[in-house]
Amino acid sequence: MVEDRLSCMRNMLALGGCLLLAFGLSACAVGPGTPLLDALKTEPGQGRGNVPAPKGYGAIVNPGESSGLINPKERQETQAYLETLASE
């Protein structure tokens, strides 16, 4: 009898913990500062958060210049370097 009650209580605690975790994760999914109920009321793609965008995610600096191995200004040097690696 006591074991049945403990088993029932354990199941209820597990269910409550899962629900709490699910609500917590869904609240994080809409963005910090956005109330979950407001996010659920809006249509997908139409919602607005009440938190400003973080700094550092603005327009691209020097959009016409790439760097690294795919830099068009250094394409011949890059190709020669890759050919030397392939021959080794």
PDB file of N, CA and C in Angstrom:
ATOM      1  N   MET A   1       0.823  -1.190   0.000  1.00  0.00           N
ATOM      2  CA  MET A   1       0.000   0.000   0.000  1.00  0.00           C
ATOM      3  C   MET A   1       0.870   1.258   0.000  1.00  0.00           C
ATOM      4  N   VAL A   2       1.847   1.286   0.903  1.00  0.00           N
ATOM      5  CA  VAL A   2       2.733   2.442   0.973  1.00  0.00           C
ATOM      6  C   VAL A   2       3.594   2.523  -0.280  1.00  0.00           C
ATOM      7  N   GLU A   3       3.999   1.352  -0.797  1.00  0.00           N
ATOM      8  CA  GLU A   3       4.815   1.330  -2.006  1.00  0.00           C
ATOM      9  C   GLU A   3       4.031   1.852  -3.202  1.00  0.00           C
ATOM     10  N   ASP A   4       2.755   1.556  -3.262  1.00  0.00           N
ATOM     11  CA  ASP A   4       1.922   2.058  -4.352  1.00  0.00           C
ATOM     12  C   ASP A   4       1.819   3.581  -4.308  1.00  0.00           C
ATOM     13  N   ARG A   5       1.679   4.120  -3.118  1.00  0.00           N
ATOM     14  CA  ARG A   5       1.600   5.582  -2.984  1.00  0.00           C
ATOM     15  C   ARG A   5       2.920   6.231  -3.374  1.00  0.00           C
ATOM     16  N   LEU A   6       4.040   5.614  -2.953  1.00  0.00           N
ATOM     17  CA  LEU A   6       5.346   6.170  -3.314  1.00  0.00           C
ATOM     18  C   LEU A   6       5.573   6.101  -4.818  1.00  0.00           C
ATOM     19  N   SER A   7       5.146   5.020  -5.430  1.00  0.00           N
ATOM     20  CA  SER A   7       5.282   4.882  -6.876  1.00  0.00           C
ATOM     21  C   SER A   7       4.445   5.937  -7.597  1.00  0.00           C
ATOM     22  N   CYS A   8       3.242   6.166  -7.108  1.00  0.00           N
ATOM     23  CA  CYS A   8       2.367   7.181  -7.701  1.00  0.00           C
ATOM     24  C   CYS A   8       2.965   8.574  -7.529  1.00  0.00           C
ATOM     25  N   MET A   9       3.505   8.850  -6.349  1.00  0.00           N
ATOM     26  CA  MET A   9       4.113  10.161  -6.105  1.00  0.00           C
ATOM     27  C   MET A   9       5.347  10.357  -6.983  1.00  0.00           C
ATOM     28  N   ARG A  10       6.132   9.299  -7.161  1.00  0.00           N
ATOM     29  CA  ARG A  10       7.323   9.398  -8.000  1.00  0.00           C
ATOM     30  C   ARG A  10       6.925   9.686  -9.449  1.00  0.00           C
ATOM     31  N   ASN A  11       5.867   9.026  -9.926  1.00  0.00           N
ATOM     32  CA  ASN A  11       5.392   9.274 -11.286  1.00  0.00           C
ATOM     33  C   ASN A  11       4.888  10.706 -11.443  1.00  0.00           C
ATOM     34  N   MET A  12       4.188  11.202 -10.444  1.00  0.00           N
ATOM     35  CA  MET A  12       3.686  12.578 -10.505  1.00  0.00           C
ATOM     36  C   MET A  12       4.832  13.584 -10.489  1.00  0.00           C
ATOM     37  N   LEU A  13       5.841  13.325  -9.675  1.00  0.00           N
ATOM     38  CA  LEU A  13       7.006  14.212  -9.644  1.00  0.00           C
ATOM     39  C   LEU A  13       7.744  14.193 -10.978  1.00  0.00           C
ATOM     40  N   ALA A  14       7.865  13.018 -11.581  1.00  0.00           N
ATOM     41  CA  ALA A  14       8.530  12.917 -12.880  1.00  0.00           C
ATOM     42  C   ALA A  14       7.754  13.689 -13.939  1.00  0.00           C
ATOM     43  N   LEU A  15       6.438  13.551 -13.929  1.00  0.00           N
ATOM     44  CA  LEU A  15       5.604  14.276 -14.882  1.00  0.00           C
ATOM     45  C   LEU A  15       5.720  15.784 -14.671  1.00  0.00           C
ATOM     46  N   GLY A  16       5.667  16.208 -13.418  1.00  0.00           N
ATOM     47  CA  GLY A  16       5.800  17.640 -13.123  1.00  0.00           C
ATOM     48  C   GLY A  16       7.156  18.175 -13.542  1.00  0.00           C
ATOM     49  N   GLY A  17       8.200  17.408 -13.312  1.00  0.00           N
ATOM     50  CA  GLY A  17       9.535  17.839 -13.726  1.00  0.00           C
ATOM     51  C   GLY A  17       9.658  17.944 -15.230  1.00  0.00           C
ATOM     52  N   CYS A  18       9.076  16.990 -15.943  1.00  0.00           N
ATOM     53  CA  CYS A  18       9.113  17.041 -17.409  1.00  0.00           C
ATOM     54  C   CYS A  18       8.350  18.250 -17.941  1.00  0.00           C
ATOM     55  N   LEU A  19       7.197  18.529 -17.349  1.00  0.00           N
ATOM     56  CA  LEU A  19       6.425  19.699 -17.783  1.00  0.00           C
ATOM     57  C   LEU A  19       7.174  20.997 -17.502  1.00  0.00           C
ATOM     58  N   LEU A  20       7.794  21.069 -16.345  1.00  0.00           N
ATOM     59  CA  LEU A  20       8.569  22.256 -15.998  1.00  0.00           C
ATOM     60  C   LEU A  20       9.733  22.438 -16.965  1.00  0.00           C
ATOM     61  N   LEU A  21      10.410  21.361 -17.290  1.00  0.00           N
ATOM     62  CA  LEU A  21      11.515  21.428 -18.241  1.00  0.00           C
ATOM     63  C   LEU A  21      11.025  21.833 -19.626  1.00  0.00           C
ATOM     64  N   ALA A  22       9.894  21.292 -20.047  1.00  0.00           N
ATOM     65  CA  ALA A  22       9.354  21.634 -21.365  1.00  0.00           C
ATOM     66  C   ALA A  22       8.986  23.112 -21.442  1.00  0.00           C
ATOM     67  N   PHE A  23       8.337  23.640 -20.413  1.00  0.00           N
ATOM     68  CA  PHE A  23       7.990  25.062 -20.417  1.00  0.00           C
ATOM     69  C   PHE A  23       9.241  25.928 -20.357  1.00  0.00           C
ATOM     70  N   GLY A  24      10.232  25.505 -19.606  1.00  0.00           N
ATOM     71  CA  GLY A  24      11.477  26.267 -19.528  1.00  0.00           C
ATOM     72  C   GLY A  24      12.196  26.317 -20.856  1.00  0.00           C
ATOM     73  N   LEU A  25      12.265  25.176 -21.547  1.00  0.00           N
ATOM     74  CA  LEU A  25      12.936  25.152 -22.844  1.00  0.00           C
ATOM     75  C   LEU A  25      12.163  25.934 -23.894  1.00  0.00           C
ATOM     76  N   SER A  26      10.847  25.863 -23.868  1.00  0.00           N
ATOM     77  CA  SER A  26      10.079  26.617 -24.854  1.00  0.00           C
ATOM     78  C   SER A  26      10.166  28.115 -24.583  1.00  0.00           C
ATOM     79  N   ALA A  27      10.325  28.509 -23.340  1.00  0.00           N
ATOM     80  CA  ALA A  27      10.489  29.932 -23.037  1.00  0.00           C
ATOM     81  C   ALA A  27      11.825  30.429 -23.554  1.00  0.00           C
ATOM     82  N   CYS A  28      12.846  29.604 -23.494  1.00  0.00           N
ATOM     83  CA  CYS A  28      14.156  29.997 -24.008  1.00  0.00           C
ATOM     84  C   CYS A  28      14.158  30.040 -25.530  1.00  0.00           C
ATOM     85  N   ALA A  29      13.309  29.258 -26.167  1.00  0.00           N
ATOM     86  CA  ALA A  29      13.320  29.165 -27.619  1.00  0.00           C
ATOM     87  C   ALA A  29      12.807  30.432 -28.287  1.00  0.00           C
ATOM     88  N   VAL A  30      11.972  31.217 -27.631  1.00  0.00           N
ATOM     89  CA  VAL A  30      11.428  32.414 -28.256  1.00  0.00           C
ATOM     90  C   VAL A  30      12.328  33.617 -28.070  1.00  0.00           C
ATOM     91  N   GLY A  31      13.307  33.538 -27.224  1.00  0.00           N
ATOM     92  CA  GLY A  31      14.236  34.639 -27.033  1.00  0.00           C
ATOM     93  C   GLY A  31      14.116  35.218 -25.647  1.00  0.00           C
ATOM     94  N   PRO A  32      15.205  35.716 -25.135  1.00  0.00           N
ATOM     95  CA  PRO A  32      15.175  36.268 -23.786  1.00  0.00           C
ATOM     96  C   PRO A  32      14.339  37.541 -23.722  1.00  0.00           C
ATOM     97  N   GLY A  33      13.530  37.653 -22.724  1.00  0.00           N
ATOM     98  CA  GLY A  33      12.731  38.855 -22.533  1.00  0.00           C
ATOM     99  C   GLY A  33      11.384  38.828 -23.214  1.00  0.00           C
ATOM    100  N   THR A  34      11.129  37.853 -24.069  1.00  0.00           N
ATOM    101  CA  THR A  34       9.838  37.762 -24.740  1.00  0.00           C
ATOM    102  C   THR A  34       8.926  36.869 -23.916  1.00  0.00           C
ATOM    103  N   PRO A  35       7.801  37.376 -23.447  1.00  0.00           N
ATOM    104  CA  PRO A  35       6.888  36.532 -22.679  1.00  0.00           C
ATOM    105  C   PRO A  35       6.382  35.371 -23.530  1.00  0.00           C
ATOM    106  N   LEU A  36       6.328  34.195 -22.946  1.00  0.00           N
ATOM    107  CA  LEU A  36       5.950  32.999 -23.691  1.00  0.00           C
ATOM    108  C   LEU A  36       4.534  33.099 -24.242  1.00  0.00           C
ATOM    109  N   LEU A  37       3.600  33.643 -23.463  1.00  0.00           N
ATOM    110  CA  LEU A  37       2.221  33.739 -23.945  1.00  0.00           C
ATOM    111  C   LEU A  37       2.111  34.686 -25.130  1.00  0.00           C
ATOM    112  N   ASP A  38       2.875  35.778 -25.131  1.00  0.00           N
ATOM    113  CA  ASP A  38       2.862  36.687 -26.277  1.00  0.00           C
ATOM    114  C   ASP A  38       3.446  36.009 -27.503  1.00  0.00           C
ATOM    115  N   ALA A  39       4.478  35.210 -27.305  1.00  0.00           N
ATOM    116  CA  ALA A  39       5.100  34.528 -28.433  1.00  0.00           C
ATOM    117  C   ALA A  39       4.174  33.471 -29.018  1.00  0.00           C
ATOM    118  N   LEU A  40       3.373  32.829 -28.186  1.00  0.00           N
ATOM    119  CA  LEU A  40       2.460  31.810 -28.684  1.00  0.00           C
ATOM    120  C   LEU A  40       1.265  32.414 -29.409  1.00  0.00           C
ATOM    121  N   LYS A  41       0.909  33.657 -29.108  1.00  0.00           N
ATOM    122  CA  LYS A  41      -0.244  34.298 -29.742  1.00  0.00           C
ATOM    123  C   LYS A  41       0.064  34.747 -31.166  1.00  0.00           C
ATOM    124  N   THR A  42       1.310  35.042 -31.479  1.00  0.00           N
ATOM    125  CA  THR A  42       1.649  35.597 -32.787  1.00  0.00           C
ATOM    126  C   THR A  42       1.810  34.491 -33.817  1.00  0.00           C
ATOM    127  N   GLU A  43       1.581  34.844 -35.054  1.00  0.00           N
ATOM    128  CA  GLU A  43       1.795  33.920 -36.165  1.00  0.00           C
ATOM    129  C   GLU A  43       3.299  33.745 -36.373  1.00  0.00           C
ATOM    130  N   PRO A  44       3.730  32.599 -36.880  1.00  0.00           N
ATOM    131  CA  PRO A  44       5.163  32.397 -37.132  1.00  0.00           C
ATOM    132  C   PRO A  44       5.707  33.433 -38.112  1.00  0.00           C
ATOM    133  N   GLY A  45       6.832  34.004 -37.777  1.00  0.00           N
ATOM    134  CA  GLY A  45       7.456  35.011 -38.622  1.00  0.00           C
ATOM    135  C   GLY A  45       6.944  36.418 -38.406  1.00  0.00           C
ATOM    136  N   GLN A  46       5.904  36.597 -37.609  1.00  0.00           N
ATOM    137  CA  GLN A  46       5.314  37.914 -37.404  1.00  0.00           C
ATOM    138  C   GLN A  46       5.616  38.486 -36.027  1.00  0.00           C
ATOM    139  N   GLY A  47       6.213  37.696 -35.147  1.00  0.00           N
ATOM    140  CA  GLY A  47       6.428  38.134 -33.771  1.00  0.00           C
ATOM    141  C   GLY A  47       7.561  39.133 -33.640  1.00  0.00           C
ATOM    142  N   ARG A  48       7.520  39.892 -32.548  1.00  0.00           N
ATOM    143  CA  ARG A  48       8.570  40.860 -32.254  1.00  0.00           C
ATOM    144  C   ARG A  48       8.972  40.660 -30.805  1.00  0.00           C
ATOM    145  N   GLY A  49      10.246  40.625 -30.565  1.00  0.00           N
ATOM    146  CA  GLY A  49      10.726  40.550 -29.193  1.00  0.00           C
ATOM    147  C   GLY A  49      10.837  41.946 -28.613  1.00  0.00           C
ATOM    148  N   ASN A  50      10.798  42.055 -27.321  1.00  0.00           N
ATOM    149  CA  ASN A  50      10.932  43.360 -26.697  1.00  0.00           C
ATOM    150  C   ASN A  50      12.360  43.600 -26.229  1.00  0.00           C
ATOM    151  N   VAL A  51      13.305  42.819 -26.753  1.00  0.00           N
ATOM    152  CA  VAL A  51      14.709  42.970 -26.401  1.00  0.00           C
ATOM    153  C   VAL A  51      15.444  43.460 -27.642  1.00  0.00           C
ATOM    154  N   PRO A  52      16.250  44.509 -27.530  1.00  0.00           N
ATOM    155  CA  PRO A  52      16.980  44.982 -28.705  1.00  0.00           C
ATOM    156  C   PRO A  52      18.002  43.951 -29.163  1.00  0.00           C
ATOM    157  N   ALA A  53      18.352  44.018 -30.432  1.00  0.00           N
ATOM    158  CA  ALA A  53      19.340  43.092 -30.991  1.00  0.00           C
ATOM    159  C   ALA A  53      20.686  43.303 -30.311  1.00  0.00           C
ATOM    160  N   PRO A  54      21.451  42.246 -30.105  1.00  0.00           N
ATOM    161  CA  PRO A  54      22.750  42.401 -29.456  1.00  0.00           C
ATOM    162  C   PRO A  54      23.719  43.173 -30.333  1.00  0.00           C
ATOM    163  N   LYS A  55      24.647  43.854 -29.703  1.00  0.00           N
ATOM    164  CA  LYS A  55      25.638  44.620 -30.453  1.00  0.00           C
ATOM    165  C   LYS A  55      26.602  43.653 -31.120  1.00  0.00           C
ATOM    166  N   GLY A  56      27.081  44.040 -32.298  1.00  0.00           N
ATOM    167  CA  GLY A  56      28.017  43.195 -33.015  1.00  0.00           C
ATOM    168  C   GLY A  56      27.375  42.401 -34.132  1.00  0.00           C
ATOM    169  N   TYR A  57      26.059  42.511 -34.301  1.00  0.00           N
ATOM    170  CA  TYR A  57      25.372  41.790 -35.356  1.00  0.00           C
ATOM    171  C   TYR A  57      24.814  42.764 -36.390  1.00  0.00           C
ATOM    172  N   GLY A  58      25.548  43.799 -36.676  1.00  0.00           N
ATOM    173  CA  GLY A  58      25.083  44.801 -37.614  1.00  0.00           C
ATOM    174  C   GLY A  58      25.461  44.451 -39.038  1.00  0.00           C
ATOM    175  N   ALA A  59      25.612  45.472 -39.852  1.00  0.00           N
ATOM    176  CA  ALA A  59      25.969  45.280 -41.252  1.00  0.00           C
ATOM    177  C   ALA A  59      27.387  44.732 -41.366  1.00  0.00           C
ATOM    178  N   ILE A  60      27.642  44.051 -42.467  1.00  0.00           N
ATOM    179  CA  ILE A  60      28.955  43.455 -42.705  1.00  0.00           C
ATOM    180  C   ILE A  60      29.959  44.567 -43.000  1.00  0.00           C
ATOM    181  N   VAL A  61      31.118  44.484 -42.377  1.00  0.00           N
ATOM    182  CA  VAL A  61      32.175  45.451 -42.619  1.00  0.00           C
ATOM    183  C   VAL A  61      32.954  44.990 -43.844  1.00  0.00           C
ATOM    184  N   ASN A  62      33.235  45.888 -44.767  1.00  0.00           N
ATOM    185  CA  ASN A  62      33.952  45.583 -46.011  1.00  0.00           C
ATOM    186  C   ASN A  62      33.287  44.424 -46.754  1.00  0.00           C
ATOM    187  N   PRO A  63      32.066  44.604 -47.249  1.00  0.00           N
ATOM    188  CA  PRO A  63      31.353  43.475 -47.846  1.00  0.00           C
ATOM    189  C   PRO A  63      31.970  42.958 -49.139  1.00  0.00           C
ATOM    190  N   GLY A  64      32.764  43.759 -49.838  1.00  0.00           N
ATOM    191  CA  GLY A  64      33.346  43.315 -51.101  1.00  0.00           C
ATOM    192  C   GLY A  64      34.662  42.594 -50.963  1.00  0.00           C
ATOM    193  N   GLU A  65      35.234  42.540 -49.782  1.00  0.00           N
ATOM    194  CA  GLU A  65      36.545  41.929 -49.608  1.00  0.00           C
ATOM    195  C   GLU A  65      36.431  40.644 -48.801  1.00  0.00           C
ATOM    196  N   SER A  66      36.933  39.568 -49.368  1.00  0.00           N
ATOM    197  CA  SER A  66      36.984  38.320 -48.625  1.00  0.00           C
ATOM    198  C   SER A  66      38.430  38.048 -48.240  1.00  0.00           C
ATOM    199  N   SER A  67      38.611  37.183 -47.282  1.00  0.00           N
ATOM    200  CA  SER A  67      39.969  36.863 -46.851  1.00  0.00           C
ATOM    201  C   SER A  67      40.084  35.363 -46.666  1.00  0.00           C
ATOM    202  N   GLY A  68      41.302  34.892 -46.518  1.00  0.00           N
ATOM    203  CA  GLY A  68      41.528  33.466 -46.342  1.00  0.00           C
ATOM    204  C   GLY A  68      41.889  32.803 -47.652  1.00  0.00           C
ATOM    205  N   LEU A  69      41.670  31.517 -47.748  1.00  0.00           N
ATOM    206  CA  LEU A  69      42.072  30.763 -48.931  1.00  0.00           C
ATOM    207  C   LEU A  69      41.229  31.081 -50.154  1.00  0.00           C
ATOM    208  N   ILE A  70      40.058  31.647 -49.993  1.00  0.00           N
ATOM    209  CA  ILE A  70      39.208  31.923 -51.150  1.00  0.00           C
ATOM    210  C   ILE A  70      39.287  33.378 -51.595  1.00  0.00           C
ATOM    211  N   ASN A  71      40.261  34.112 -51.092  1.00  0.00           N
ATOM    212  CA  ASN A  71      40.411  35.506 -51.479  1.00  0.00           C
ATOM    213  C   ASN A  71      40.756  35.568 -52.966  1.00  0.00           C
ATOM    214  N   PRO A  72      39.945  36.239 -53.791  1.00  0.00           N
ATOM    215  CA  PRO A  72      40.216  36.280 -55.230  1.00  0.00           C
ATOM    216  C   PRO A  72      41.538  36.960 -55.569  1.00  0.00           C
ATOM    217  N   LYS A  73      42.013  37.860 -54.721  1.00  0.00           N
ATOM    218  CA  LYS A  73      43.276  38.541 -54.991  1.00  0.00           C
ATOM    219  C   LYS A  73      44.466  37.600 -54.836  1.00  0.00           C
ATOM    220  N   GLU A  74      44.290  36.544 -54.052  1.00  0.00           N
ATOM    221  CA  GLU A  74      45.386  35.606 -53.812  1.00  0.00           C
ATOM    222  C   GLU A  74      45.076  34.221 -54.371  1.00  0.00           C
ATOM    223  N   ARG A  75      44.223  34.142 -55.383  1.00  0.00           N
ATOM    224  CA  ARG A  75      43.786  32.850 -55.895  1.00  0.00           C
ATOM    225  C   ARG A  75      44.939  32.048 -56.494  1.00  0.00           C
ATOM    226  N   GLN A  76      45.819  32.687 -57.259  1.00  0.00           N
ATOM    227  CA  GLN A  76      46.927  31.949 -57.882  1.00  0.00           C
ATOM    228  C   GLN A  76      47.887  31.416 -56.826  1.00  0.00           C
ATOM    229  N   GLU A  77      48.210  32.228 -55.830  1.00  0.00           N
ATOM    230  CA  GLU A  77      49.103  31.763 -54.772  1.00  0.00           C
ATOM    231  C   GLU A  77      48.464  30.616 -53.991  1.00  0.00           C
ATOM    232  N   THR A  78      47.170  30.721 -53.763  1.00  0.00           N
ATOM    233  CA  THR A  78      46.468  29.663 -53.039  1.00  0.00           C
ATOM    234  C   THR A  78      46.460  28.373 -53.843  1.00  0.00           C
ATOM    235  N   GLN A  79      46.228  28.480 -55.147  1.00  0.00           N
ATOM    236  CA  GLN A  79      46.215  27.291 -55.993  1.00  0.00           C
ATOM    237  C   GLN A  79      47.588  26.631 -56.023  1.00  0.00           C
ATOM    238  N   ALA A  80      48.640  27.425 -56.122  1.00  0.00           N
ATOM    239  CA  ALA A  80      49.994  26.865 -56.119  1.00  0.00           C
ATOM    240  C   ALA A  80      50.297  26.188 -54.787  1.00  0.00           C
ATOM    241  N   TYR A  81      49.872  26.793 -53.704  1.00  0.00           N
ATOM    242  CA  TYR A  81      50.103  26.206 -52.380  1.00  0.00           C
ATOM    243  C   TYR A  81      49.372  24.876 -52.237  1.00  0.00           C
ATOM    244  N   LEU A  82      48.125  24.831 -52.688  1.00  0.00           N
ATOM    245  CA  LEU A  82      47.363  23.591 -52.589  1.00  0.00           C
ATOM    246  C   LEU A  82      47.948  22.498 -53.479  1.00  0.00           C
ATOM    247  N   GLU A  83      48.492  22.872 -54.634  1.00  0.00           N
ATOM    248  CA  GLU A  83      49.127  21.870 -55.501  1.00  0.00           C
ATOM    249  C   GLU A  83      50.387  21.308 -54.861  1.00  0.00           C
ATOM    250  N   THR A  84      51.135  22.141 -54.128  1.00  0.00           N
ATOM    251  CA  THR A  84      52.321  21.615 -53.441  1.00  0.00           C
ATOM    252  C   THR A  84      51.913  20.667 -52.319  1.00  0.00           C
ATOM    253  N   LEU A  85      50.806  20.953 -51.663  1.00  0.00           N
ATOM    254  CA  LEU A  85      50.327  20.040 -50.621  1.00  0.00           C
ATOM    255  C   LEU A  85      49.852  18.720 -51.218  1.00  0.00           C
ATOM    256  N   ALA A  86      49.227  18.780 -52.399  1.00  0.00           N
ATOM    257  CA  ALA A  86      48.711  17.565 -53.029  1.00  0.00           C
ATOM    258  C   ALA A  86      49.841  16.673 -53.525  1.00  0.00           C
ATOM    259  N   SER A  87      50.958  17.259 -53.910  1.00  0.00           N
ATOM    260  CA  SER A  87      52.071  16.459 -54.433  1.00  0.00           C
ATOM    261  C   SER A  87      52.864  15.783 -53.325  1.00  0.00           C
ATOM    262  N   GLU A  88      52.709  16.194 -52.099  1.00  0.00           N
ATOM    263  CA  GLU A  88      53.462  15.587 -50.992  1.00  0.00           C
ATOM    264  C   GLU A  88      52.939  14.231 -50.608  1.00  0.00           C
TER     265      GLU A  88
END
